[in-house]
N, C-alpha and C. Protein backbone atom coordinates (compact mmCIF):
# COMPACT_ATOMS: atom_id res chain seq x y z
N MET A 1 15.70 -139.25 169.51
CA MET A 1 15.46 -138.86 171.00
C MET A 1 16.74 -139.44 171.62
N LYS A 2 17.74 -138.79 172.43
CA LYS A 2 18.43 -139.13 173.16
C LYS A 2 18.00 -139.46 174.95
N TYR A 3 16.95 -138.63 175.36
CA TYR A 3 16.30 -138.78 176.81
C TYR A 3 14.72 -138.78 176.51
N ILE A 4 14.35 -139.77 177.48
CA ILE A 4 13.15 -140.02 177.54
C ILE A 4 12.99 -139.34 179.58
N VAL A 5 11.45 -138.79 179.12
CA VAL A 5 11.27 -138.25 180.69
C VAL A 5 9.66 -138.76 181.10
N LEU A 6 9.57 -139.30 182.00
CA LEU A 6 8.24 -139.67 182.54
C LEU A 6 8.21 -139.03 183.64
N SER A 7 6.81 -137.91 183.80
CA SER A 7 6.49 -137.12 184.33
C SER A 7 5.51 -137.75 185.65
N PRO A 8 5.21 -137.22 186.76
CA PRO A 8 4.74 -137.88 187.84
C PRO A 8 3.01 -138.46 187.17
N ASP A 9 2.74 -137.69 186.51
CA ASP A 9 1.09 -138.39 186.24
C ASP A 9 1.38 -139.44 184.68
N GLN A 10 2.71 -139.87 184.82
CA GLN A 10 2.88 -140.93 183.88
C GLN A 10 2.95 -140.53 182.43
N LYS A 11 3.26 -139.14 182.29
CA LYS A 11 3.12 -138.87 181.12
C LYS A 11 4.70 -139.19 180.30
N LEU A 12 4.74 -139.22 179.01
CA LEU A 12 6.04 -139.76 178.68
C LEU A 12 6.46 -138.56 177.59
N ILE A 13 7.55 -138.03 177.48
CA ILE A 13 7.95 -137.29 176.37
C ILE A 13 9.88 -137.08 176.09
N GLY A 14 9.97 -137.03 175.14
CA GLY A 14 11.24 -137.25 174.68
C GLY A 14 12.16 -135.63 174.64
N PHE A 15 13.46 -135.50 174.15
CA PHE A 15 14.20 -134.76 174.18
C PHE A 15 15.64 -134.96 173.64
N GLU A 16 16.29 -134.31 172.88
CA GLU A 16 17.66 -134.32 172.13
C GLU A 16 18.53 -134.08 173.32
N ASP A 17 18.40 -133.06 173.79
CA ASP A 17 19.33 -132.46 174.57
C ASP A 17 18.95 -132.48 176.50
N SER A 18 19.87 -132.19 176.84
CA SER A 18 19.86 -132.30 178.55
C SER A 18 19.35 -130.93 178.83
N GLU A 19 19.40 -129.69 178.49
CA GLU A 19 18.98 -128.79 178.43
C GLU A 19 17.72 -128.42 178.48
N HIS A 20 16.70 -129.15 177.40
CA HIS A 20 15.31 -129.17 177.12
C HIS A 20 14.63 -130.05 178.24
N VAL A 21 15.44 -131.24 178.97
CA VAL A 21 15.21 -131.99 179.94
C VAL A 21 14.92 -131.22 181.11
N LEU A 22 16.21 -130.61 181.29
CA LEU A 22 15.80 -129.32 182.42
C LEU A 22 14.72 -128.49 182.46
N GLU A 23 14.41 -128.21 181.66
CA GLU A 23 13.50 -126.85 181.38
C GLU A 23 11.92 -127.42 181.85
N TYR A 24 12.16 -128.68 181.05
CA TYR A 24 10.59 -129.35 181.17
C TYR A 24 10.52 -130.08 182.82
N CYS A 25 11.60 -130.60 183.29
CA CYS A 25 11.67 -131.17 184.82
C CYS A 25 11.28 -129.89 185.80
N LEU A 26 11.72 -128.84 185.33
CA LEU A 26 11.78 -127.34 186.20
C LEU A 26 10.23 -126.84 186.27
N GLU A 27 9.43 -126.96 184.74
CA GLU A 27 8.60 -126.69 184.84
C GLU A 27 7.44 -127.55 185.45
N VAL A 28 7.58 -128.70 185.26
CA VAL A 28 6.70 -129.55 186.09
C VAL A 28 6.79 -129.36 187.73
N ASP A 29 7.88 -129.56 187.93
CA ASP A 29 8.30 -129.10 189.47
C ASP A 29 7.32 -127.77 189.85
N ASN A 30 7.79 -126.76 189.16
CA ASN A 30 7.26 -125.48 189.65
C ASN A 30 5.70 -125.51 189.49
N ASP A 31 5.17 -126.12 188.36
CA ASP A 31 3.55 -125.97 188.18
C ASP A 31 2.82 -127.05 189.49
N SER A 32 3.63 -128.29 189.64
CA SER A 32 3.14 -128.92 191.18
C SER A 32 3.50 -128.08 192.09
N LEU A 33 4.41 -127.33 192.53
CA LEU A 33 4.63 -126.58 193.57
C LEU A 33 3.23 -125.48 193.69
N ASP A 34 3.34 -124.48 192.73
CA ASP A 34 2.03 -123.68 192.45
C ASP A 34 0.98 -124.35 192.89
N ASP A 35 0.71 -125.50 192.09
CA ASP A 35 -0.70 -126.23 192.45
C ASP A 35 -0.61 -126.18 193.95
N TYR A 36 0.04 -126.88 194.84
CA TYR A 36 0.06 -127.52 196.03
C TYR A 36 -0.23 -125.95 197.03
N CYS A 37 0.50 -125.03 196.68
CA CYS A 37 0.80 -123.79 197.20
C CYS A 37 -0.89 -123.39 197.06
N GLU A 38 -0.94 -123.04 196.25
CA GLU A 38 -2.64 -122.87 195.76
C GLU A 38 -3.85 -123.43 196.66
N GLU A 39 -3.66 -124.87 196.77
CA GLU A 39 -4.38 -125.53 197.34
C GLU A 39 -4.26 -125.21 199.29
N GLN A 40 -2.78 -124.92 199.77
CA GLN A 40 -2.75 -124.99 200.92
C GLN A 40 -2.86 -123.05 200.99
N GLU A 41 -3.02 -122.40 200.30
CA GLU A 41 -3.33 -121.03 200.60
C GLU A 41 -1.58 -120.75 200.99
N LEU A 42 -1.07 -120.96 200.35
CA LEU A 42 0.85 -120.52 200.40
C LEU A 42 1.03 -119.15 199.78
N VAL A 43 1.79 -118.26 200.18
CA VAL A 43 2.31 -117.70 199.32
C VAL A 43 3.57 -117.42 198.99
N TYR A 44 4.50 -117.11 197.83
CA TYR A 44 5.89 -117.18 198.12
C TYR A 44 6.06 -115.98 199.22
N GLU A 45 5.78 -114.70 198.58
CA GLU A 45 6.56 -113.80 199.06
C GLU A 45 6.64 -113.41 200.37
N THR A 46 5.66 -114.23 200.97
CA THR A 46 5.95 -114.46 202.35
C THR A 46 6.67 -115.63 203.55
N MET A 47 7.43 -116.08 202.30
CA MET A 47 8.33 -117.60 202.80
C MET A 47 9.34 -117.15 202.84
N THR A 48 10.33 -118.00 203.42
CA THR A 48 11.68 -117.68 203.59
C THR A 48 12.05 -118.80 202.45
N PRO A 49 13.43 -118.68 201.57
CA PRO A 49 13.71 -119.64 200.83
C PRO A 49 13.91 -121.03 201.53
N THR A 50 13.93 -120.93 202.78
CA THR A 50 14.10 -122.32 203.50
C THR A 50 12.80 -122.89 203.25
N GLU A 51 11.95 -122.44 203.74
CA GLU A 51 10.29 -122.93 203.73
C GLU A 51 10.44 -123.12 202.03
N ILE A 52 10.54 -122.51 201.18
CA ILE A 52 10.36 -122.69 199.72
C ILE A 52 11.34 -123.95 199.33
N GLY A 53 12.20 -124.23 199.89
CA GLY A 53 12.86 -125.32 199.69
C GLY A 53 12.28 -126.66 199.98
N GLN A 54 11.93 -126.33 201.64
CA GLN A 54 11.04 -127.37 202.30
C GLN A 54 9.63 -127.91 201.45
N LEU A 55 9.32 -127.30 200.67
CA LEU A 55 7.92 -127.24 199.88
C LEU A 55 8.62 -128.21 198.57
N TYR A 56 9.60 -127.87 198.13
CA TYR A 56 10.14 -128.48 196.81
C TYR A 56 10.63 -130.04 197.41
N THR A 57 11.16 -130.18 198.50
CA THR A 57 11.40 -131.68 199.06
C THR A 57 9.96 -132.21 199.30
N ASN A 58 9.18 -131.57 200.23
CA ASN A 58 7.79 -132.59 200.39
C ASN A 58 6.97 -132.76 198.83
N MET A 59 7.15 -132.00 198.27
CA MET A 59 6.50 -132.38 196.84
C MET A 59 7.35 -133.14 196.22
N GLY A 60 8.48 -133.18 195.97
CA GLY A 60 9.11 -134.43 195.52
C GLY A 60 8.74 -135.82 196.08
N ALA A 61 8.75 -135.89 197.79
CA ALA A 61 8.17 -136.95 198.33
C ALA A 61 6.68 -137.30 198.05
N ILE A 62 6.22 -136.35 197.73
CA ILE A 62 4.21 -136.66 197.32
C ILE A 62 4.22 -137.11 195.70
N SER A 63 4.65 -136.59 194.96
CA SER A 63 4.70 -136.67 193.61
C SER A 63 5.70 -137.33 193.08
N GLY A 64 6.74 -137.56 193.54
CA GLY A 64 8.03 -138.22 192.91
C GLY A 64 9.03 -137.35 192.18
N GLY A 65 8.50 -136.27 191.42
CA GLY A 65 8.99 -135.64 190.41
C GLY A 65 9.15 -136.43 188.89
N CYS A 66 10.09 -135.82 187.98
CA CYS A 66 10.24 -136.13 186.99
C CYS A 66 11.49 -137.45 187.08
N GLN A 67 11.18 -138.05 186.36
CA GLN A 67 12.19 -139.43 186.14
C GLN A 67 12.95 -139.27 184.58
N ILE A 68 13.99 -139.32 184.28
CA ILE A 68 14.83 -139.12 183.33
C ILE A 68 15.63 -140.50 182.88
N PHE A 69 15.62 -140.76 181.70
CA PHE A 69 16.15 -142.05 181.29
C PHE A 69 16.76 -141.86 179.82
N LEU A 70 17.63 -142.55 179.83
CA LEU A 70 18.70 -142.44 178.57
C LEU A 70 17.93 -143.63 177.42
N VAL A 71 17.52 -143.16 176.27
CA VAL A 71 16.90 -143.92 175.24
C VAL A 71 17.61 -145.44 175.10
N SER A 72 18.99 -145.22 175.10
CA SER A 72 20.15 -146.49 174.96
C SER A 72 20.00 -147.25 176.08
N ASP A 73 20.00 -146.97 177.28
CA ASP A 73 19.74 -147.94 178.34
C ASP A 73 18.09 -148.49 178.59
N ILE A 74 17.23 -147.65 177.89
CA ILE A 74 15.80 -148.64 177.56
C ILE A 74 15.86 -149.90 176.68
N LEU A 75 16.63 -149.06 175.33
CA LEU A 75 16.83 -150.36 174.64
C LEU A 75 17.72 -151.74 174.91
N ASN A 76 18.71 -151.19 175.46
CA ASN A 76 19.75 -152.21 176.48
C ASN A 76 18.90 -153.30 177.06
N LEU A 77 17.99 -152.56 177.91
CA LEU A 77 17.43 -153.21 178.82
C LEU A 77 16.86 -154.22 178.23
N MET A 78 16.05 -153.77 177.22
CA MET A 78 15.08 -154.57 176.35
C MET A 78 15.67 -155.53 175.67
N LYS A 79 16.94 -155.75 175.18
CA LYS A 79 17.99 -156.41 174.94
C LYS A 79 18.07 -157.61 175.64
N GLU A 80 18.67 -157.29 176.92
CA GLU A 80 19.21 -157.95 177.80
C GLU A 80 18.13 -158.80 178.59
N ASN A 81 16.83 -158.27 178.75
CA ASN A 81 15.33 -159.07 179.09
C ASN A 81 14.59 -159.92 178.05
N ALA A 82 15.59 -159.94 176.70
CA ALA A 82 15.11 -160.85 175.63
C ALA A 82 13.82 -160.29 175.21
N VAL A 83 13.70 -159.27 175.29
CA VAL A 83 12.06 -158.56 174.79
C VAL A 83 11.84 -159.03 173.63
N ASP A 84 10.97 -159.48 173.07
CA ASP A 84 10.21 -159.64 171.56
C ASP A 84 10.80 -158.60 170.63
N GLU A 85 11.08 -159.19 169.73
CA GLU A 85 11.95 -158.13 168.73
C GLU A 85 10.69 -157.23 168.20
N TYR A 86 9.22 -157.55 168.32
CA TYR A 86 8.37 -156.76 167.57
C TYR A 86 8.20 -155.17 168.45
N TYR A 87 8.43 -155.63 170.05
CA TYR A 87 8.43 -154.57 170.91
C TYR A 87 9.81 -153.87 170.98
N ILE A 88 10.83 -154.26 171.05
CA ILE A 88 12.23 -153.44 170.51
C ILE A 88 11.88 -152.52 169.45
N GLU A 89 11.35 -153.18 168.35
CA GLU A 89 11.39 -152.30 166.95
C GLU A 89 10.06 -151.32 167.29
N GLU A 90 9.23 -151.15 167.89
CA GLU A 90 8.05 -150.45 168.40
C GLU A 90 8.70 -149.24 168.95
N ALA A 91 9.36 -149.72 170.37
CA ALA A 91 10.04 -148.57 170.88
C ALA A 91 11.10 -147.75 170.38
N LYS A 92 11.69 -148.22 169.21
CA LYS A 92 12.78 -147.84 168.62
C LYS A 92 11.94 -146.70 167.73
N ALA A 93 10.86 -147.12 167.13
CA ALA A 93 9.65 -146.20 166.37
C ALA A 93 9.51 -144.89 167.13
N LEU A 94 9.16 -145.74 168.31
CA LEU A 94 8.42 -144.43 169.09
C LEU A 94 9.52 -143.40 169.44
N PHE A 95 10.65 -143.87 169.89
CA PHE A 95 12.13 -142.99 170.63
C PHE A 95 12.27 -142.26 169.31
N GLU A 96 11.94 -142.29 167.85
CA GLU A 96 12.46 -142.09 166.84
C GLU A 96 11.54 -141.07 166.30
N SER A 97 9.93 -140.94 166.87
CA SER A 97 8.82 -140.42 166.34
C SER A 97 8.55 -138.70 166.78
N LYS A 98 8.33 -138.11 165.96
CA LYS A 98 7.88 -136.84 166.57
C LYS A 98 6.89 -136.88 167.55
N ASN A 99 6.32 -137.68 167.60
CA ASN A 99 5.10 -137.76 168.51
C ASN A 99 5.60 -137.52 169.65
N LEU A 100 6.59 -138.18 170.35
CA LEU A 100 7.25 -137.85 171.49
C LEU A 100 7.82 -136.34 172.03
N LEU A 101 7.67 -135.37 170.76
CA LEU A 101 7.74 -134.11 171.48
C LEU A 101 6.56 -133.27 172.11
N LYS A 102 5.71 -134.20 172.26
CA LYS A 102 4.73 -133.55 172.91
C LYS A 102 4.38 -134.49 174.03
N GLU A 103 4.00 -134.38 175.17
CA GLU A 103 3.42 -135.46 176.27
C GLU A 103 2.78 -136.65 175.72
N MET A 104 2.87 -137.80 175.91
CA MET A 104 1.70 -138.89 175.63
C MET A 104 1.75 -139.92 176.80
N THR A 105 0.59 -140.61 176.39
CA THR A 105 0.63 -141.52 177.52
C THR A 105 1.75 -142.82 177.61
N CYS A 106 2.40 -143.17 178.66
CA CYS A 106 3.43 -143.94 178.44
C CYS A 106 2.80 -145.39 178.18
N PRO A 107 3.46 -146.40 176.76
CA PRO A 107 3.00 -147.28 176.65
C PRO A 107 3.08 -148.27 177.92
N GLY A 108 2.43 -149.28 178.19
CA GLY A 108 2.48 -149.92 179.21
C GLY A 108 3.75 -150.85 179.27
N TYR A 109 4.26 -151.33 177.84
CA TYR A 109 5.68 -152.34 177.99
C TYR A 109 7.04 -151.32 178.20
N ILE A 110 6.98 -150.20 177.89
CA ILE A 110 7.82 -149.11 178.26
C ILE A 110 7.86 -148.80 179.97
N GLU A 111 6.69 -148.53 180.46
CA GLU A 111 6.24 -148.27 181.88
C GLU A 111 7.00 -149.44 182.55
N ASP A 112 6.72 -150.81 182.39
CA ASP A 112 7.48 -151.80 183.03
C ASP A 112 8.59 -151.86 183.03
N LEU A 113 9.58 -151.61 181.87
CA LEU A 113 10.68 -151.22 181.97
C LEU A 113 11.37 -150.39 182.76
N LEU A 114 10.77 -149.17 182.60
CA LEU A 114 11.43 -147.84 183.34
C LEU A 114 11.61 -148.07 184.65
N GLY A 115 10.51 -149.21 185.42
CA GLY A 115 10.40 -149.52 186.25
C GLY A 115 12.03 -150.53 187.16
N GLU A 116 12.44 -150.74 186.15
CA GLU A 116 13.83 -151.74 186.56
C GLU A 116 15.12 -151.07 186.33
N LEU A 117 14.81 -149.53 185.71
CA LEU A 117 15.79 -148.86 185.66
C LEU A 117 16.13 -147.76 186.61
N THR A 118 17.44 -147.21 186.73
CA THR A 118 17.43 -146.04 187.52
C THR A 118 17.61 -145.04 187.09
N PRO A 119 16.75 -144.05 187.83
CA PRO A 119 16.37 -142.75 186.86
C PRO A 119 17.62 -141.65 186.96
N ILE A 120 18.04 -141.19 186.03
CA ILE A 120 19.11 -139.72 185.79
C ILE A 120 18.29 -138.90 186.55
N TYR A 121 18.81 -138.06 187.95
CA TYR A 121 18.65 -136.95 188.61
C TYR A 121 19.08 -135.74 187.55
N PRO A 122 18.12 -134.91 187.70
CA PRO A 122 18.72 -133.38 186.95
C PRO A 122 20.13 -132.97 187.28
N SER A 123 20.70 -133.09 188.49
CA SER A 123 22.03 -132.84 188.58
C SER A 123 23.04 -133.18 187.83
N ASN A 124 22.62 -135.03 187.49
CA ASN A 124 23.61 -135.52 186.57
C ASN A 124 23.92 -134.82 185.21
N LEU A 125 22.64 -134.18 184.81
CA LEU A 125 22.83 -133.62 183.80
C LEU A 125 23.09 -132.30 183.55
N THR A 126 23.60 -131.43 184.94
CA THR A 126 24.25 -130.08 185.09
C THR A 126 25.61 -130.26 185.73
N GLU A 127 26.25 -131.08 185.96
CA GLU A 127 27.51 -131.11 186.52
C GLU A 127 27.20 -130.90 188.02
N GLY A 128 26.03 -131.37 188.40
CA GLY A 128 25.81 -130.94 190.05
C GLY A 128 24.99 -129.79 190.46
N ILE A 129 24.85 -128.66 189.31
CA ILE A 129 24.01 -127.60 189.45
C ILE A 129 22.66 -127.55 189.14
N TYR A 130 21.64 -127.50 189.90
CA TYR A 130 20.04 -127.55 189.31
C TYR A 130 19.75 -126.34 190.17
N PHE A 131 19.09 -125.72 189.07
CA PHE A 131 18.37 -124.18 190.06
C PHE A 131 17.03 -124.15 189.99
N MET A 132 16.60 -124.00 190.64
CA MET A 132 14.93 -123.80 190.85
C MET A 132 14.78 -122.39 191.26
N GLU A 133 13.90 -122.09 189.75
CA GLU A 133 13.66 -120.36 190.11
C GLU A 133 12.89 -120.04 190.92
N ASN A 134 11.73 -120.72 191.71
CA ASN A 134 10.99 -120.10 192.90
C ASN A 134 12.08 -119.89 194.06
N ILE A 135 13.10 -120.45 194.07
CA ILE A 135 14.06 -120.75 195.35
C ILE A 135 14.99 -119.50 194.78
N ASP A 136 15.68 -119.05 194.04
CA ASP A 136 16.33 -118.43 193.28
C ASP A 136 16.03 -117.08 193.17
N ALA A 137 14.73 -117.08 192.96
CA ALA A 137 14.49 -115.68 192.51
C ALA A 137 14.27 -114.74 194.25
N PRO A 138 14.49 -113.12 193.37
CA PRO A 138 14.59 -112.57 194.91
C PRO A 138 13.48 -112.29 195.47
N ASN A 139 13.16 -111.93 196.81
CA ASN A 139 11.75 -111.87 197.48
C ASN A 139 12.16 -110.06 197.95
N ASP A 140 11.46 -109.65 197.67
CA ASP A 140 11.38 -108.00 198.07
C ASP A 140 10.67 -107.56 199.29
N GLU A 141 9.90 -108.64 199.31
CA GLU A 141 8.72 -108.34 200.71
C GLU A 141 9.17 -108.87 202.04
N LYS A 142 10.31 -109.92 202.01
CA LYS A 142 10.71 -110.22 203.31
C LYS A 142 12.34 -110.44 203.19
N ASP A 143 12.82 -110.19 204.55
CA ASP A 143 14.35 -110.43 204.44
C ASP A 143 14.53 -111.70 204.49
N ASN A 144 15.22 -112.27 203.35
CA ASN A 144 15.78 -113.80 203.20
C ASN A 144 17.12 -113.97 203.97
N GLY A 145 17.78 -113.06 204.61
CA GLY A 145 18.84 -113.51 205.22
C GLY A 145 18.82 -113.83 206.51
């Protein structure tokens, strides 16, 4: 795996390419937004794009969104911190495992390290462009102009 993503509910998943990372993050963001809108009885069709954008901002502040990391950065940090070789080998095996193709609970020793790294923002993977489907979708019921 090249990328590791930590979801807001502390689930870990791995990806080989940035496109799949972005799809996953967008899905998590949209699911969180849909759940929030359902709880608050908000309806997209009656909201302006600005209101929906504000919801994304609020949800990011509440849930924190997905955190994206490079596997190489994690392994380098482990070496810099003189982490026991056993854990480094465990991490390498995990990052190469097919188990990471599905969400899994993040091992504590990995979660601790991730707190020391600066996550990659989705926009860094797309040359500054990150689309949110709910915002970009046309709204036929309300003038968004």
